[in-house]
Amino acid sequence: MYEKIKKTAIDTLKIELNEASRLLERISDDFVEACLALQQCKGKVIVTGIGKSGHIGKKIAATFASTGTPAFFIHPAEALHGDLGMVDSEDLVILISNSGEATEFKLMLPLFKRKKLKTIGFTGNRSSFLADQVDFIIDTGVENEACPLGLAPTSSAVNTLMMGDALAISVMHLRDFNSTDYAFSHPGGSLGARLIFKNMDLIEQHVQPPVCYPDETLSEVIFCLSRTGYGLAVICDDDDKVLGVFTDGDLRRTLEKSTDLTVKVGELMTRTPIVATADELAYSTLELMHSKDINAIPIVDSEERLMAVLTTHQIYKSGIN
């Protein structure tokens, strides 16, 4: 039984991989012109398909949307009952049908032609109604479905998905869509957080930074360290420019040598401390903190005035890791 199941799975994959390998010969002039039409589209990309083609179409629309091409999926039945109202004259439509004979498309395509919309057809039948009516044909045809009955869309569904990815990624390159652009489409993920959030975005405005001045005593600085819990106090001049820092580590080292709590912190602080600017990416600041083995860092403005102290915990909390 185990061997039979494994053989069936392997045979399925072999058929699908074999059919997919034939797609390399299908990157035609129509494919290139379809990419250029998508790049030049001033409106939205509307993807439509019914049954398994619809499920694949939803994924294709999502891939376009996340790689810089505004796109969404419309179900053909819903389209014929009002959703066509979402289609504007500057839009482009991708229609998916393996047979190319979907009844709904025979009603929809004349309407698209009347609106003078550019259309792209994904089909496995180059002699079909769909292939005859669209501006550009993407050939997803197969000789063998992986389904032993030859009925369930398997190899053809994989081909459609792959050609959809090839189309979307080609257009992505044409648009010079980069990782920062991608992050704005995925702000909820770790990559989005890394490329979007700056230090200024993570500053807790209601929290006063742990500021001390050079003429304050060690006793006063200890109180500041205890009150804030940042593990450091930032020593500033009267204009709030950072002069140095005094950390928990500095405190331990000081008390090992002396218990004089009246000494001025200006004599004890670490001068020229590590700081980060407000407009730097928080991810870059996190990497800096890791490299210097510190858990908190002063954030300064363009004139080197203290704005806040940022901790690794605050950065992690934003989703950056």
Protein backbone atom coordinates (compact mmCIF):
# COMPACT_ATOMS: atom_id res chain seq x y z
CA MET A 1 0.00 0.00 0.00
CA TYR A 2 2.78 2.47 0.93
CA GLU A 3 4.65 1.80 -2.29
CA LYS A 4 1.49 2.17 -4.36
CA ILE A 5 0.72 5.56 -2.80
CA LYS A 6 4.29 6.74 -3.35
CA LYS A 7 4.21 5.60 -6.98
CA THR A 8 0.92 7.42 -7.63
CA ALA A 9 2.29 10.62 -6.11
CA ILE A 10 5.55 10.37 -8.08
CA ASP A 11 3.69 9.67 -11.33
CA THR A 12 1.47 12.69 -10.70
CA LEU A 13 4.45 14.96 -10.16
CA LYS A 14 6.26 13.57 -13.20
CA ILE A 15 3.29 14.30 -15.45
CA GLU A 16 2.88 17.83 -14.10
CA LEU A 17 6.60 18.57 -14.28
CA ASN A 18 6.76 17.27 -17.84
CA GLU A 19 3.83 19.43 -18.92
CA ALA A 20 5.25 22.44 -17.09
CA SER A 21 8.62 22.04 -18.83
CA ARG A 22 6.88 22.56 -22.17
CA LEU A 23 5.89 26.07 -21.08
CA LEU A 24 9.42 27.25 -21.84
CA GLU A 25 8.51 27.06 -25.53
CA ARG A 26 5.38 29.18 -25.00
CA ILE A 27 7.04 32.50 -24.14
CA SER A 28 5.90 34.00 -27.41
CA ASP A 29 5.54 37.49 -28.86
CA ASP A 30 1.99 37.46 -27.51
CA PHE A 31 3.42 36.92 -24.02
CA VAL A 32 5.80 39.86 -24.42
CA GLU A 33 3.07 42.13 -25.81
CA ALA A 34 0.79 41.11 -22.94
CA CYS A 35 3.51 42.16 -20.48
CA LEU A 36 3.88 45.54 -22.19
CA ALA A 37 0.10 46.05 -22.18
CA LEU A 38 0.04 45.30 -18.45
CA GLN A 39 2.89 47.74 -17.82
CA GLN A 40 1.09 50.46 -19.77
CA CYS A 41 -2.31 49.80 -18.19
CA LYS A 42 -3.48 53.00 -16.49
CA GLY A 43 -6.32 51.31 -14.64
CA LYS A 44 -6.68 48.02 -12.84
CA VAL A 45 -6.09 44.44 -13.93
CA ILE A 46 -9.30 42.43 -13.69
CA VAL A 47 -8.84 38.64 -13.48
CA THR A 48 -11.80 36.33 -14.09
CA GLY A 49 -12.36 32.60 -14.39
CA ILE A 50 -14.83 29.98 -13.23
CA GLY A 51 -14.31 26.71 -11.35
CA LYS A 52 -10.66 25.70 -10.90
CA SER A 53 -9.69 28.50 -13.29
CA GLY A 54 -11.28 30.91 -10.85
CA HIS A 55 -9.26 29.58 -7.93
CA ILE A 56 -6.06 29.97 -9.94
CA GLY A 57 -7.23 33.40 -11.09
CA LYS A 58 -7.55 34.61 -7.50
CA LYS A 59 -3.94 33.67 -6.84
CA ILE A 60 -2.77 35.35 -10.06
CA ALA A 61 -4.63 38.55 -9.13
CA ALA A 62 -3.07 38.46 -5.65
CA THR A 63 0.42 38.02 -7.15
CA PHE A 64 -0.07 41.00 -9.46
CA ALA A 65 -1.40 43.15 -6.60
CA SER A 66 1.54 42.33 -4.34
CA THR A 67 4.16 43.00 -7.03
CA GLY A 68 3.14 46.48 -8.10
CA THR A 69 0.20 45.94 -10.49
CA PRO A 70 -3.22 46.87 -9.01
CA ALA A 71 -5.42 43.82 -9.62
CA PHE A 72 -8.45 41.99 -8.28
CA PHE A 73 -10.57 38.97 -9.12
CA ILE A 74 -14.18 39.05 -10.35
CA HIS A 75 -16.29 35.89 -10.50
CA PRO A 76 -17.86 35.61 -14.00
CA ALA A 77 -21.36 34.93 -12.65
CA GLU A 78 -21.18 37.95 -10.34
CA ALA A 79 -19.74 40.01 -13.19
CA LEU A 80 -22.81 39.30 -15.30
CA HIS A 81 -25.07 40.38 -12.45
CA GLY A 82 -23.63 43.77 -11.63
CA ASP A 83 -19.92 43.45 -10.88
CA LEU A 84 -19.03 44.52 -14.43
CA GLY A 85 -19.78 47.97 -13.08
CA MET A 86 -16.36 47.82 -11.41
CA VAL A 87 -14.62 47.62 -14.80
CA ASP A 88 -13.48 50.98 -16.20
CA SER A 89 -12.39 51.94 -19.70
CA GLU A 90 -8.71 52.07 -18.69
CA ASP A 91 -8.68 48.59 -17.16
CA LEU A 92 -7.24 45.40 -18.64
CA VAL A 93 -8.95 42.00 -18.31
CA ILE A 94 -7.34 38.57 -17.93
CA LEU A 95 -9.75 35.73 -18.74
CA ILE A 96 -8.91 32.14 -17.76
CA SER A 97 -10.55 29.08 -19.31
CA ASN A 98 -8.78 25.85 -20.17
CA SER A 99 -11.37 24.96 -22.83
CA GLY A 100 -11.75 28.56 -23.94
CA GLU A 101 -15.49 28.00 -24.30
CA ALA A 102 -16.84 29.27 -20.96
CA THR A 103 -20.42 30.44 -21.55
CA GLU A 104 -19.95 33.49 -19.34
CA PHE A 105 -17.03 34.69 -21.44
CA LYS A 106 -19.16 34.59 -24.59
CA LEU A 107 -21.37 37.20 -22.93
CA MET A 108 -18.57 39.23 -21.36
CA LEU A 109 -16.08 39.58 -24.21
CA PRO A 110 -18.39 41.56 -26.56
CA LEU A 111 -18.90 44.04 -23.70
CA PHE A 112 -15.17 44.36 -23.17
CA LYS A 113 -14.67 44.93 -26.88
CA ARG A 114 -17.30 47.66 -26.85
CA LYS A 115 -15.38 49.37 -24.04
CA LYS A 116 -12.17 48.88 -26.08
CA LEU A 117 -10.48 47.08 -23.19
CA LYS A 118 -7.28 45.13 -23.74
CA THR A 119 -7.80 41.44 -22.99
CA ILE A 120 -5.46 38.54 -22.22
CA GLY A 121 -6.68 34.97 -22.46
CA PHE A 122 -5.18 32.00 -20.59
CA THR A 123 -6.34 28.88 -22.40
CA GLY A 124 -5.28 25.40 -23.39
CA ASN A 125 -7.28 25.57 -26.62
CA ARG A 126 -5.86 27.92 -29.24
CA SER A 127 -8.84 27.20 -31.53
CA SER A 128 -11.42 28.30 -28.97
CA PHE A 129 -13.79 31.26 -28.77
CA LEU A 130 -11.60 32.83 -26.07
CA ALA A 131 -8.42 32.51 -28.11
CA ASP A 132 -10.15 34.05 -31.11
CA GLN A 133 -11.54 37.05 -29.21
CA VAL A 134 -8.72 38.23 -26.91
CA ASP A 135 -5.86 40.52 -27.84
CA PHE A 136 -3.15 38.28 -26.41
CA ILE A 137 -3.11 34.51 -25.89
CA ILE A 138 -1.20 32.76 -23.09
CA ASP A 139 -1.02 29.09 -24.08
CA THR A 140 -1.39 26.80 -21.03
CA GLY A 141 -2.34 23.66 -22.95
CA VAL A 142 -1.34 20.15 -21.85
CA GLU A 143 -1.21 16.76 -23.50
CA ASN A 144 -1.92 14.92 -20.27
CA GLU A 145 -3.72 15.85 -17.09
CA ALA A 146 -2.25 14.20 -14.00
CA CYS A 147 -5.78 13.07 -13.11
CA PRO A 148 -5.99 9.38 -14.20
CA LEU A 149 -9.46 10.07 -15.62
CA GLY A 150 -8.14 13.01 -17.60
CA LEU A 151 -10.94 15.12 -16.17
CA ALA A 152 -9.83 17.09 -13.09
CA PRO A 153 -7.73 20.17 -14.01
CA THR A 154 -4.32 19.24 -12.62
CA SER A 155 -1.48 19.74 -15.09
CA SER A 156 -3.46 22.50 -16.80
CA ALA A 157 -4.08 24.25 -13.47
CA VAL A 158 -0.36 24.10 -12.64
CA ASN A 159 0.50 25.48 -16.08
CA THR A 160 -1.94 28.35 -15.65
CA LEU A 161 -0.54 29.21 -12.24
CA MET A 162 3.04 29.14 -13.52
CA MET A 163 2.32 31.28 -16.56
CA GLY A 164 0.49 33.72 -14.30
CA ASP A 165 3.58 33.97 -12.13
CA ALA A 166 5.81 34.38 -15.20
CA LEU A 167 3.58 37.20 -16.44
CA ALA A 168 3.39 38.97 -13.07
CA ILE A 169 7.12 38.74 -12.38
CA SER A 170 7.98 39.94 -15.88
CA VAL A 171 5.77 42.98 -15.38
CA MET A 172 7.29 43.48 -11.93
CA HIS A 173 10.72 43.81 -13.59
CA LEU A 174 9.33 46.20 -16.21
CA ARG A 175 8.03 48.41 -13.39
CA ASP A 176 11.38 48.32 -11.53
CA PHE A 177 9.41 47.17 -8.50
CA ASN A 178 11.88 46.80 -5.62
CA SER A 179 11.96 45.43 -2.09
CA THR A 180 10.86 48.75 -0.59
CA ASP A 181 7.84 48.87 -2.91
CA TYR A 182 7.08 45.27 -1.93
CA ALA A 183 7.22 46.17 1.75
CA PHE A 184 4.45 48.75 1.32
CA SER A 185 2.24 45.95 -0.02
CA HIS A 186 3.20 43.72 2.92
CA PRO A 187 3.44 46.02 5.96
CA GLY A 188 2.23 43.26 8.27
CA GLY A 189 5.20 41.00 7.63
CA SER A 190 8.72 41.08 8.98
CA LEU A 191 10.11 42.26 5.63
CA GLY A 192 7.62 45.12 5.50
CA ALA A 193 8.48 46.19 9.03
CA ARG A 194 12.20 46.13 8.24
CA LEU A 195 11.86 48.31 5.16
CA ILE A 196 9.16 50.71 6.35
CA PHE A 197 9.65 51.58 10.01
CA LYS A 198 12.12 54.30 10.87
CA ASN A 199 13.32 55.05 14.37
CA MET A 200 10.98 58.03 14.58
CA ASP A 201 8.01 55.70 13.97
CA LEU A 202 8.83 53.64 17.06
CA ILE A 203 9.46 56.46 19.50
CA GLU A 204 7.00 56.42 22.39
CA GLN A 205 5.99 60.07 22.47
CA HIS A 206 4.49 59.97 25.96
CA VAL A 207 7.67 58.58 27.55
CA GLN A 208 10.26 61.07 28.75
CA PRO A 209 13.82 59.99 27.88
CA PRO A 210 16.25 59.45 30.79
CA VAL A 211 18.12 62.77 30.60
CA CYS A 212 20.76 63.99 33.06
CA TYR A 213 23.17 66.91 32.94
CA PRO A 214 26.95 66.88 33.51
CA ASP A 215 26.80 68.64 36.88
CA GLU A 216 24.30 66.19 38.39
CA THR A 217 25.61 63.83 41.03
CA LEU A 218 25.97 60.08 40.86
CA SER A 219 23.13 59.83 43.38
CA GLU A 220 20.82 61.74 41.03
CA VAL A 221 21.86 59.62 38.05
CA ILE A 222 21.15 56.41 39.98
CA PHE A 223 17.61 57.69 40.58
CA CYS A 224 17.25 58.43 36.82
CA LEU A 225 18.47 54.93 35.92
CA SER A 226 16.03 53.32 38.35
CA ARG A 227 13.09 55.47 37.26
CA THR A 228 13.27 54.69 33.54
CA GLY A 229 14.60 51.14 33.35
CA TYR A 230 16.40 51.74 30.06
CA GLY A 231 19.74 50.70 31.50
CA LEU A 232 21.30 54.04 30.64
CA ALA A 233 20.99 57.76 31.24
CA VAL A 234 21.74 60.20 28.42
CA ILE A 235 23.92 63.13 29.45
CA CYS A 236 22.97 66.32 27.56
CA ASP A 237 23.92 69.98 27.56
CA ASP A 238 21.39 72.77 28.03
CA ASP A 239 20.43 72.56 24.33
CA ASP A 240 19.64 68.83 24.67
CA LYS A 241 22.65 67.85 22.56
CA VAL A 242 24.06 64.49 23.58
CA LEU A 243 27.40 64.67 25.39
CA GLY A 244 27.62 61.09 26.59
CA VAL A 245 25.85 58.23 28.32
CA PHE A 246 26.05 56.60 31.72
CA THR A 247 24.96 52.96 31.80
CA ASP A 248 24.23 50.31 34.41
CA GLY A 249 27.64 48.89 33.55
CA ASP A 250 29.28 52.27 34.18
CA LEU A 251 27.53 52.39 37.56
CA ARG A 252 28.83 48.98 38.60
CA ARG A 253 32.35 49.83 37.55
CA THR A 254 32.18 53.17 39.41
CA LEU A 255 30.92 51.61 42.66
CA GLU A 256 33.68 49.00 42.52
CA LYS A 257 36.19 51.87 42.82
CA SER A 258 34.35 54.32 45.08
CA THR A 259 31.10 54.85 46.96
CA ASP A 260 31.20 58.64 46.67
CA LEU A 261 27.68 59.49 45.46
CA THR A 262 28.43 63.20 45.16
CA VAL A 263 30.78 62.86 42.21
CA LYS A 264 29.53 64.61 39.05
CA VAL A 265 28.32 62.37 36.24
CA GLY A 266 30.17 64.51 33.70
CA GLU A 267 33.37 62.97 35.09
CA LEU A 268 32.04 59.41 34.78
CA MET A 269 30.08 59.31 31.55
CA THR A 270 31.11 57.56 28.35
CA ARG A 271 31.88 60.32 25.87
CA THR A 272 31.09 60.15 22.12
CA PRO A 273 28.42 57.48 22.65
CA ILE A 274 26.75 55.39 19.95
CA VAL A 275 23.62 57.16 18.72
CA ALA A 276 21.14 56.75 15.85
CA THR A 277 19.21 59.38 13.93
CA ALA A 278 15.43 59.56 13.85
CA ASP A 279 15.17 58.99 10.09
CA GLU A 280 17.29 55.84 10.02
CA LEU A 281 15.56 52.50 9.46
CA ALA A 282 14.84 50.79 12.76
CA TYR A 283 16.17 47.52 11.32
CA SER A 284 19.55 49.16 10.66
CA THR A 285 19.54 50.50 14.21
CA LEU A 286 18.79 47.02 15.54
CA GLU A 287 21.74 45.60 13.61
CA LEU A 288 23.97 48.37 15.02
CA MET A 289 22.82 47.58 18.55
CA HIS A 290 23.53 43.88 18.05
CA SER A 291 27.00 44.61 16.68
CA LYS A 292 27.82 46.81 19.69
CA ASP A 293 26.10 44.48 22.19
CA ILE A 294 23.80 47.19 23.56
CA ASN A 295 20.08 47.08 24.35
CA ALA A 296 19.24 50.79 24.24
CA ILE A 297 20.41 53.69 22.09
CA PRO A 298 19.80 57.47 22.09
CA ILE A 299 17.83 58.75 19.09
CA VAL A 300 18.78 62.23 17.91
CA ASP A 301 17.37 64.68 15.39
CA SER A 302 19.21 66.30 12.49
CA GLU A 303 20.83 68.79 14.90
CA GLU A 304 22.00 66.00 17.24
CA ARG A 305 19.46 66.88 19.92
CA LEU A 306 18.07 64.01 21.96
CA MET A 307 14.59 62.90 20.99
CA ALA A 308 14.21 59.56 22.77
CA VAL A 309 15.88 56.33 23.75
CA LEU A 310 15.01 53.29 21.67
CA THR A 311 15.37 49.73 22.98
CA THR A 312 15.71 46.40 21.21
CA HIS A 313 12.41 45.41 22.86
CA GLN A 314 10.58 48.31 21.20
CA ILE A 315 12.02 47.35 17.81
CA TYR A 316 11.11 43.67 18.22
CA LYS A 317 7.62 44.72 19.28
CA SER A 318 7.09 46.43 15.90
CA GLY A 319 7.57 43.09 14.13
CA ILE A 320 11.20 43.62 13.14
CA ASN A 321 13.54 40.72 13.83
